[in-house]
Amino acid sequence: MLTRRFRAREVALQLLFQKDQNPNPVPRNVIEKFADDRLNHDPELAAYCLGLYDGTLRHQAEIDPKLVATAENWRLTRMTPVDRNVLRLGAYELLFDPLGPPIEVAINEAIELAQRYGSKDSGGFVNGILDKLARARNAERGTDQARNAERGTRNGEPEPGNVEPEARSEEVASDPAPTTPPGP
């Protein structure tokens, strides 16, 4: 059974494929109409689809080198257009989408798209590359989380109630000294 979001991913893939294969820019209103028509005039789904499309394009310059580095001995131009664009979409969801799905969902949805639109080997190819990307991302984020825990920070910001010592001493130094009444 296809989910509504899968359908939106499917349309986003179609838009990415069209952009990849067509050297002539398509006007934005045509892109929006295509998404709206394909998604049965559901504004929430069209917005989700266009968010995936726009996000993938916005981060493509960062995504493509990661795909090339992860897909050993494969240039992007050697990949089929379907596989290349499924990978871009999946990589966007894994690496850049702030509201992205869990890793397993992003990979499984990409595999399903690859199997549906690609060759018989596309699902395994996409799975292998996105799984490596996800593991690298988790290792990187795990290192960042460990580093932040050592510093008492979360995402580089001090955790509540965990003020660095230099900041504490400045706060104490800036407080006026308490006055005590003269002794007897």
Protein backbone atom coordinates (compact mmCIF):
# COMPACT_ATOMS: atom_id res chain seq x y z
CA MET A 1 0.00 0.00 0.00
CA LEU A 2 1.34 3.40 -0.94
CA THR A 3 1.33 6.10 1.69
CA ARG A 4 0.46 9.68 0.90
CA ARG A 5 4.03 10.76 1.59
CA PHE A 6 5.37 8.03 -0.69
CA ARG A 7 3.22 9.48 -3.45
CA ALA A 8 4.68 12.95 -2.74
CA ARG A 9 8.21 11.48 -2.90
CA GLU A 10 7.30 9.83 -6.19
CA VAL A 11 6.24 13.17 -7.69
CA ALA A 12 9.36 14.87 -6.27
CA LEU A 13 11.45 12.19 -8.00
CA GLN A 14 9.63 12.84 -11.28
CA LEU A 15 10.41 16.56 -10.96
CA LEU A 16 14.07 15.87 -10.15
CA PHE A 17 14.33 13.47 -13.09
CA GLN A 18 12.80 16.08 -15.42
CA LYS A 19 15.25 18.75 -14.21
CA ASP A 20 18.18 16.36 -14.57
CA GLN A 21 17.26 15.39 -18.14
CA ASN A 22 15.91 18.68 -19.49
CA PRO A 23 18.49 21.41 -20.14
CA ASN A 24 15.75 24.05 -20.48
CA PRO A 25 14.45 25.52 -17.23
CA VAL A 26 10.80 24.86 -16.48
CA PRO A 27 8.86 27.81 -15.05
CA ARG A 28 8.02 27.49 -11.36
CA ASN A 29 4.28 27.77 -11.95
CA VAL A 30 4.44 24.74 -14.27
CA ILE A 31 6.33 22.74 -11.62
CA GLU A 32 3.77 23.69 -8.97
CA LYS A 33 0.85 22.81 -11.26
CA PHE A 34 2.41 19.45 -12.08
CA ALA A 35 2.79 18.62 -8.36
CA ASP A 36 -0.70 19.86 -7.57
CA ASP A 37 -2.30 17.85 -10.40
CA ARG A 38 -0.37 14.65 -9.60
CA LEU A 39 -1.24 14.91 -5.91
CA ASN A 40 -4.97 15.41 -6.49
CA HIS A 41 -4.96 19.06 -5.47
CA ASP A 42 -3.93 18.25 -1.87
CA PRO A 43 -2.14 21.43 -0.74
CA GLU A 44 -0.39 19.74 2.21
CA LEU A 45 1.00 16.97 0.01
CA ALA A 46 2.00 19.37 -2.75
CA ALA A 47 3.86 21.51 -0.21
CA TYR A 48 5.65 18.41 1.13
CA CYS A 49 6.57 17.32 -2.42
CA LEU A 50 7.88 20.76 -3.39
CA GLY A 51 9.80 20.97 -0.11
CA LEU A 52 11.61 17.73 -1.00
CA TYR A 53 12.26 18.93 -4.54
CA ASP A 54 13.48 22.39 -3.50
CA GLY A 55 15.56 21.03 -0.61
CA THR A 56 17.25 18.45 -2.80
CA LEU A 57 18.13 21.10 -5.39
CA ARG A 58 19.27 23.57 -2.72
CA HIS A 59 21.71 20.99 -1.28
CA GLN A 60 22.66 19.22 -4.52
CA ALA A 61 26.14 20.78 -4.54
CA GLU A 62 26.75 19.16 -1.13
CA ILE A 63 24.91 15.90 -1.88
CA ASP A 64 26.60 14.98 -5.17
CA PRO A 65 30.19 14.83 -3.81
CA LYS A 66 28.98 12.71 -0.87
CA LEU A 67 27.30 10.30 -3.28
CA VAL A 68 30.43 10.05 -5.45
CA ALA A 69 32.61 9.44 -2.38
CA THR A 70 30.23 6.80 -1.04
CA ALA A 71 29.56 5.02 -4.34
CA GLU A 72 33.06 3.69 -4.87
CA ASN A 73 34.12 3.60 -8.52
CA TRP A 74 30.88 5.24 -9.70
CA ARG A 75 30.67 8.68 -11.24
CA LEU A 76 27.26 10.36 -11.14
CA THR A 77 27.16 10.46 -14.92
CA ARG A 78 27.59 6.67 -15.02
CA MET A 79 24.58 6.08 -12.78
CA THR A 80 21.18 5.77 -14.40
CA PRO A 81 19.20 9.01 -14.13
CA VAL A 82 16.60 7.27 -11.95
CA ASP A 83 19.19 5.91 -9.51
CA ARG A 84 21.05 9.23 -9.40
CA ASN A 85 17.90 11.17 -8.54
CA VAL A 86 16.56 8.61 -6.06
CA LEU A 87 19.94 8.83 -4.32
CA ARG A 88 19.83 12.63 -4.29
CA LEU A 89 16.34 12.62 -2.82
CA GLY A 90 17.22 9.97 -0.21
CA ALA A 91 20.46 11.74 0.70
CA TYR A 92 18.59 15.01 1.17
CA GLU A 93 16.16 13.34 3.57
CA LEU A 94 18.98 11.63 5.48
CA LEU A 95 21.39 14.53 5.69
CA PHE A 96 19.57 17.84 5.37
CA ASP A 97 15.80 17.57 5.86
CA PRO A 98 15.16 19.12 9.31
CA LEU A 99 11.84 17.28 9.61
CA GLY A 100 13.00 14.18 7.79
CA PRO A 101 11.69 10.72 8.51
CA PRO A 102 13.61 8.16 10.58
CA ILE A 103 16.64 6.73 8.77
CA GLU A 104 14.97 3.39 8.10
CA VAL A 105 11.94 5.05 6.53
CA ALA A 106 14.03 7.32 4.29
CA ILE A 107 16.11 4.38 3.05
CA ASN A 108 13.12 2.06 2.57
CA GLU A 109 11.16 4.70 0.65
CA ALA A 110 14.17 5.34 -1.61
CA ILE A 111 14.57 1.59 -2.21
CA GLU A 112 10.89 1.35 -3.14
CA LEU A 113 11.23 4.24 -5.61
CA ALA A 114 14.35 2.65 -7.12
CA GLN A 115 12.64 -0.72 -7.51
CA ARG A 116 9.56 0.83 -9.03
CA TYR A 117 11.31 3.14 -11.53
CA GLY A 118 14.84 1.77 -11.92
CA SER A 119 16.42 -1.44 -13.10
CA LYS A 120 16.28 -4.81 -11.34
CA ASP A 121 19.53 -3.91 -9.52
CA SER A 122 18.52 -0.37 -8.52
CA GLY A 123 17.05 -1.27 -5.13
CA GLY A 124 20.24 -2.94 -3.90
CA PHE A 125 22.42 -0.19 -5.35
CA VAL A 126 20.42 2.56 -3.65
CA ASN A 127 20.25 0.59 -0.39
CA GLY A 128 24.03 0.12 -0.25
CA ILE A 129 24.87 3.76 -0.87
CA LEU A 130 22.23 5.29 1.41
CA ASP A 131 23.08 2.82 4.18
CA LYS A 132 26.76 3.89 4.00
CA LEU A 133 25.71 7.56 4.03
CA ALA A 134 23.48 6.97 7.06
CA ARG A 135 26.26 5.14 8.95
CA ALA A 136 28.73 7.92 8.19
CA ARG A 137 26.19 10.52 9.32
CA ASN A 138 25.53 8.64 12.56
CA ALA A 139 29.24 8.27 13.26
CA GLU A 140 29.78 11.98 12.63
CA ARG A 141 26.82 12.99 14.76
CA GLY A 142 27.82 10.52 17.47
CA THR A 143 31.25 12.15 17.59
CA ASP A 144 29.65 15.59 17.78
CA GLN A 145 27.29 14.43 20.55
CA ALA A 146 30.17 12.92 22.53
CA ARG A 147 32.23 16.09 22.09
CA ASN A 148 29.28 18.23 23.20
CA ALA A 149 28.63 15.98 26.22
CA GLU A 150 32.24 16.47 27.33
CA ARG A 151 31.76 20.23 27.12
CA GLY A 152 28.30 20.11 28.68
CA THR A 153 26.68 21.42 25.53
CA ARG A 154 23.88 20.33 23.27
CA ASN A 155 24.23 21.30 19.60
CA GLY A 156 27.05 23.64 20.65
CA GLU A 157 24.87 25.50 23.17
CA PRO A 158 25.28 25.18 26.95
CA GLU A 159 22.70 22.89 28.49
CA PRO A 160 20.37 24.51 31.01
CA GLY A 161 22.04 24.77 34.40
CA ASN A 162 25.42 23.93 32.92
CA VAL A 163 27.27 27.23 32.71
CA GLU A 164 30.94 27.14 31.85
CA PRO A 165 33.31 28.08 34.74
CA GLU A 166 34.54 31.30 33.09
CA ALA A 167 30.97 32.50 32.74
CA ARG A 168 30.24 31.67 36.38
CA SER A 169 33.21 33.64 37.66
CA GLU A 170 32.21 36.64 35.54
CA GLU A 171 28.68 36.46 36.90
CA VAL A 172 29.96 36.33 40.46
CA ALA A 173 32.44 39.13 39.86
CA SER A 174 29.78 41.38 38.40
CA ASP A 175 27.43 40.96 41.38
CA PRO A 176 27.80 43.76 43.93
CA ALA A 177 29.53 42.62 47.09
CA PRO A 178 27.14 42.10 49.95
CA THR A 179 27.37 44.73 52.62
CA THR A 180 27.61 43.69 56.21
CA PRO A 181 26.84 45.94 59.08
CA PRO A 182 29.83 47.08 61.12
CA GLY A 183 30.66 44.79 63.99
CA PRO A 184 30.28 45.72 67.67
